[in-house]
């Protein structure tokens, strides 16, 4: 458990458990896992994000979403991205292969796409932000951008550094840096409804809290423990 201090876990091996809250109601859980894997005799990192509703929220919305990514150990950029969504009657499955050097991506659903090198998906985005150095030495209100793959299209995802804040959660009080993506388009994020992400202000940059502001209300994703 966190208990007000950051748990020291290996950068390449960790499991983060989150509680999802809709207002004051706990409506689901999410797990973010990274571990070593070997692809074509090369050592890679495999990451997966699994989020699902529970209890009454599950009866109303029935969400069970899975995102997986294999990414490079040095650049933290994805080579493949898997998405498997189950939301009430809606289903979506896809596998995307990225050629970072060749600036292309192949989607099983839509074929070949031209992209920018340095592109990330939702799983590698969190890891890339934490360990690539992008969040180091930023000025308050400074905006930076990263190519982002979002449901068979990509765009430059701009993010603004909002400074350092003290964040209180059920696990304790943490000094955090706040990042606010500037949402303009896409299907994963809703335009005009920004997301706030608070990372611990240390070398681990654990995502202590994520606040997603949808049209139907705010969903808070609060870190419960890290191992």
Protein backbone atom coordinates (compact mmCIF):
# COMPACT_ATOMS: atom_id res chain seq x y z
CA UNK A 1 0.00 0.00 0.00
CA UNK A 2 1.08 3.58 -0.58
CA UNK A 3 0.24 4.91 2.89
CA UNK A 4 1.42 8.41 1.96
CA UNK A 5 4.76 7.43 0.49
CA UNK A 6 5.78 6.32 -2.97
CA UNK A 7 6.36 2.58 -3.27
CA UNK A 8 9.71 1.81 -4.87
CA UNK A 9 9.07 -0.64 -7.73
CA UNK A 10 11.31 -1.62 -10.62
CA UNK A 11 10.64 0.66 -13.59
CA UNK A 12 10.10 -2.36 -15.85
CA UNK A 13 8.00 -4.42 -13.43
CA UNK A 14 5.07 -2.91 -11.60
CA UNK A 15 1.39 -3.36 -10.97
CA UNK A 16 -0.75 -0.32 -10.24
CA UNK A 17 -4.28 -0.76 -8.91
CA UNK A 18 -6.83 2.04 -9.22
CA UNK A 19 -10.31 2.68 -7.90
CA UNK A 20 -12.72 4.33 -10.31
CA UNK A 21 -15.18 6.75 -8.76
CA UNK A 22 -18.22 8.40 -10.28
CA UNK A 23 -18.75 11.29 -7.89
CA UNK A 24 -18.76 9.74 -4.42
CA UNK A 25 -19.61 6.26 -5.71
CA UNK A 26 -16.95 3.62 -6.34
CA UNK A 27 -18.01 2.33 -9.72
CA UNK A 28 -15.11 0.24 -10.95
CA UNK A 29 -11.47 -0.73 -10.86
CA UNK A 30 -8.47 -0.52 -13.18
CA UNK A 31 -5.09 -2.24 -13.28
CA UNK A 32 -1.95 -1.09 -15.09
CA UNK A 33 0.75 -3.78 -15.38
CA UNK A 34 4.18 -3.72 -17.00
CA UNK A 35 6.56 -6.67 -17.29
CA UNK A 36 9.43 -7.98 -19.41
CA UNK A 37 8.83 -9.95 -22.59
CA UNK A 38 10.96 -11.23 -25.47
CA UNK A 39 10.00 -10.64 -29.11
CA UNK A 40 12.24 -11.99 -31.91
CA UNK A 41 15.02 -12.58 -29.35
CA UNK A 42 14.86 -8.95 -28.25
CA UNK A 43 13.92 -7.80 -24.75
CA UNK A 44 10.82 -5.60 -24.71
CA UNK A 45 8.30 -4.27 -22.20
CA UNK A 46 4.73 -5.49 -22.23
CA UNK A 47 2.12 -3.21 -20.71
CA UNK A 48 -1.58 -3.69 -20.22
CA UNK A 49 -4.40 -1.52 -18.93
CA UNK A 50 -7.62 -3.20 -17.83
CA UNK A 51 -10.59 -1.18 -16.63
CA UNK A 52 -14.03 -2.43 -15.67
CA UNK A 53 -17.16 -1.35 -13.85
CA UNK A 54 -18.47 -3.03 -10.70
CA UNK A 55 -21.68 -3.22 -8.69
CA UNK A 56 -24.57 -0.97 -9.70
CA UNK A 57 -22.38 0.90 -12.18
CA UNK A 58 -21.66 -2.37 -13.96
CA UNK A 59 -25.38 -3.14 -14.15
CA UNK A 60 -25.99 0.28 -15.71
CA UNK A 61 -22.99 0.62 -18.03
CA UNK A 62 -21.27 -2.79 -18.26
CA UNK A 63 -17.76 -1.64 -19.19
CA UNK A 64 -14.88 -4.12 -19.49
CA UNK A 65 -12.03 -2.61 -21.54
CA UNK A 66 -8.55 -3.96 -22.20
CA UNK A 67 -5.56 -2.21 -23.81
CA UNK A 68 -2.21 -3.92 -24.41
CA UNK A 69 1.08 -2.66 -25.82
CA UNK A 70 4.57 -3.97 -26.51
CA UNK A 71 7.12 -1.18 -26.44
CA UNK A 72 10.85 -0.55 -26.62
CA UNK A 73 12.89 -0.60 -23.41
CA UNK A 74 14.91 2.49 -24.34
CA UNK A 75 12.51 4.76 -26.23
CA UNK A 76 9.27 3.66 -24.50
CA UNK A 77 7.60 3.73 -27.93
CA UNK A 78 5.08 1.04 -28.97
CA UNK A 79 5.65 -1.65 -31.58
CA UNK A 80 2.17 -3.15 -31.27
CA UNK A 81 -1.07 -2.04 -29.63
CA UNK A 82 -4.09 -4.20 -28.84
CA UNK A 83 -7.54 -2.93 -27.96
CA UNK A 84 -10.51 -5.02 -26.80
CA UNK A 85 -13.54 -2.98 -25.72
CA UNK A 86 -16.79 -4.21 -24.25
CA UNK A 87 -19.26 -1.46 -23.30
CA UNK A 88 -22.85 -2.66 -22.93
CA UNK A 89 -23.64 -3.99 -26.42
CA UNK A 90 -20.71 -2.23 -28.08
CA UNK A 91 -17.69 -4.38 -29.03
CA UNK A 92 -14.40 -3.33 -30.60
CA UNK A 93 -11.25 -5.38 -31.21
CA UNK A 94 -8.11 -4.38 -33.08
CA UNK A 95 -4.37 -4.93 -33.37
CA UNK A 96 -2.04 -2.22 -34.69
CA UNK A 97 1.63 -2.66 -35.64
CA UNK A 98 3.84 0.42 -35.61
CA UNK A 99 6.93 1.03 -37.73
CA UNK A 100 8.45 4.00 -35.94
CA UNK A 101 11.42 4.35 -38.31
CA UNK A 102 9.26 3.96 -41.41
CA UNK A 103 6.58 6.32 -40.05
CA UNK A 104 3.75 3.88 -40.71
CA UNK A 105 1.17 1.87 -38.79
CA UNK A 106 -0.83 -1.14 -39.93
CA UNK A 107 -4.27 -1.63 -38.42
CA UNK A 108 -6.06 -4.95 -38.84
CA UNK A 109 -9.31 -3.02 -39.16
CA UNK A 110 -8.33 -0.18 -41.51
CA UNK A 111 -5.02 -1.06 -43.15
CA UNK A 112 -1.93 1.09 -43.62
CA UNK A 113 -1.59 4.59 -42.15
CA UNK A 114 1.15 7.19 -42.44
CA UNK A 115 2.18 8.46 -39.00
CA UNK A 116 4.84 10.52 -37.27
CA UNK A 117 7.71 8.69 -35.58
CA UNK A 118 7.50 8.88 -31.82
CA UNK A 119 3.82 7.95 -31.80
CA UNK A 120 2.32 6.37 -28.66
CA UNK A 121 -0.89 4.55 -27.78
CA UNK A 122 -2.80 4.89 -24.50
CA UNK A 123 -0.69 2.28 -22.64
CA UNK A 124 2.74 3.47 -23.75
CA UNK A 125 1.66 7.12 -23.29
CA UNK A 126 1.64 6.82 -19.49
CA UNK A 127 4.96 4.99 -19.41
CA UNK A 128 6.54 7.35 -21.95
CA UNK A 129 5.50 10.43 -19.99
CA UNK A 130 6.86 8.99 -16.76
CA UNK A 131 10.28 7.80 -17.90
CA UNK A 132 11.24 9.57 -21.16
CA UNK A 133 12.22 12.87 -19.50
CA UNK A 134 9.41 14.82 -21.19
CA UNK A 135 8.14 16.04 -17.83
CA UNK A 136 11.51 17.27 -16.58
CA UNK A 137 12.34 20.99 -16.32
CA UNK A 138 9.01 22.25 -17.64
CA UNK A 139 7.79 25.76 -16.96
CA UNK A 140 4.27 26.36 -15.61
CA UNK A 141 1.76 26.59 -18.51
CA UNK A 142 4.35 25.22 -20.94
CA UNK A 143 2.76 23.14 -23.72
CA UNK A 144 4.39 20.10 -25.29
CA UNK A 145 3.04 17.61 -27.84
CA UNK A 146 3.37 13.93 -28.68
CA UNK A 147 1.90 11.95 -31.63
CA UNK A 148 -1.00 9.86 -30.31
CA UNK A 149 -2.81 6.87 -31.87
CA UNK A 150 -6.53 6.90 -31.11
CA UNK A 151 -8.90 4.31 -32.64
CA UNK A 152 -7.55 4.07 -36.19
CA UNK A 153 -6.42 7.68 -36.46
CA UNK A 154 -3.63 9.76 -35.01
CA UNK A 155 -3.11 13.37 -34.05
CA UNK A 156 -0.69 15.53 -32.11
CA UNK A 157 -1.81 15.36 -28.49
CA UNK A 158 -0.90 18.61 -26.78
CA UNK A 159 -0.37 18.69 -23.03
CA UNK A 160 0.06 21.59 -20.64
CA UNK A 161 2.19 21.51 -17.49
CA UNK A 162 0.14 23.08 -14.71
CA UNK A 163 2.76 23.08 -11.96
CA UNK A 164 3.12 21.30 -8.61
CA UNK A 165 0.16 20.61 -6.34
CA UNK A 166 -0.46 18.72 -3.11
CA UNK A 167 -2.99 15.96 -3.75
CA UNK A 168 -4.92 14.24 -0.97
CA UNK A 169 -6.20 10.72 -1.57
CA UNK A 170 -7.34 7.88 0.66
CA UNK A 171 -3.75 6.61 0.51
CA UNK A 172 -2.20 9.84 1.78
CA UNK A 173 -1.02 13.29 0.70
CA UNK A 174 1.38 13.54 -2.22
CA UNK A 175 3.38 16.29 -3.89
CA UNK A 176 2.46 15.95 -7.56
CA UNK A 177 3.01 17.52 -10.93
CA UNK A 178 -0.20 18.17 -12.85
CA UNK A 179 -0.52 17.57 -16.59
CA UNK A 180 -3.59 18.65 -18.54
CA UNK A 181 -4.01 17.28 -22.07
CA UNK A 182 -5.56 19.77 -24.47
CA UNK A 183 -8.28 17.76 -26.18
CA UNK A 184 -9.28 18.84 -29.68
CA UNK A 185 -10.40 15.63 -31.39
CA UNK A 186 -10.45 11.87 -31.15
CA UNK A 187 -12.72 9.07 -29.96
CA UNK A 188 -10.92 7.99 -26.81
CA UNK A 189 -11.04 11.50 -25.33
CA UNK A 190 -13.95 13.89 -25.66
CA UNK A 191 -13.20 17.30 -27.24
CA UNK A 192 -13.65 20.16 -24.81
CA UNK A 193 -13.58 17.88 -21.77
CA UNK A 194 -9.99 17.91 -20.52
CA UNK A 195 -8.25 15.26 -18.50
CA UNK A 196 -6.10 16.07 -15.50
CA UNK A 197 -3.28 13.71 -14.49
CA UNK A 198 -1.27 14.05 -11.30
CA UNK A 199 2.14 12.30 -11.20
CA UNK A 200 4.23 12.14 -8.04
CA UNK A 201 7.00 14.73 -8.17
CA UNK A 202 9.86 12.22 -7.96
CA UNK A 203 11.73 9.88 -10.28
CA UNK A 204 8.92 7.29 -10.31
CA UNK A 205 6.19 9.76 -11.35
CA UNK A 206 3.42 7.45 -10.21
CA UNK A 207 0.01 8.49 -11.60
CA UNK A 208 -1.68 9.07 -8.25
CA UNK A 209 -4.87 10.55 -9.69
CA UNK A 210 -6.50 10.90 -13.08
CA UNK A 211 -9.63 13.00 -13.52
CA UNK A 212 -11.67 12.47 -16.69
CA UNK A 213 -14.34 15.09 -17.34
CA UNK A 214 -16.99 13.57 -19.59
CA UNK A 215 -20.28 15.11 -20.66
CA UNK A 216 -22.12 12.81 -18.24
CA UNK A 217 -19.90 13.76 -15.31
CA UNK A 218 -16.46 13.36 -13.79
CA UNK A 219 -14.73 10.00 -13.34
CA UNK A 220 -11.80 9.89 -10.92
CA UNK A 221 -9.18 7.18 -11.24
CA UNK A 222 -7.37 7.05 -7.88
CA UNK A 223 -4.26 4.96 -7.24
CA UNK A 224 -4.94 2.41 -4.51
CA UNK A 225 -1.62 0.59 -4.35
CA UNK A 226 1.55 -0.08 -6.32
CA UNK A 227 3.67 -3.25 -6.20
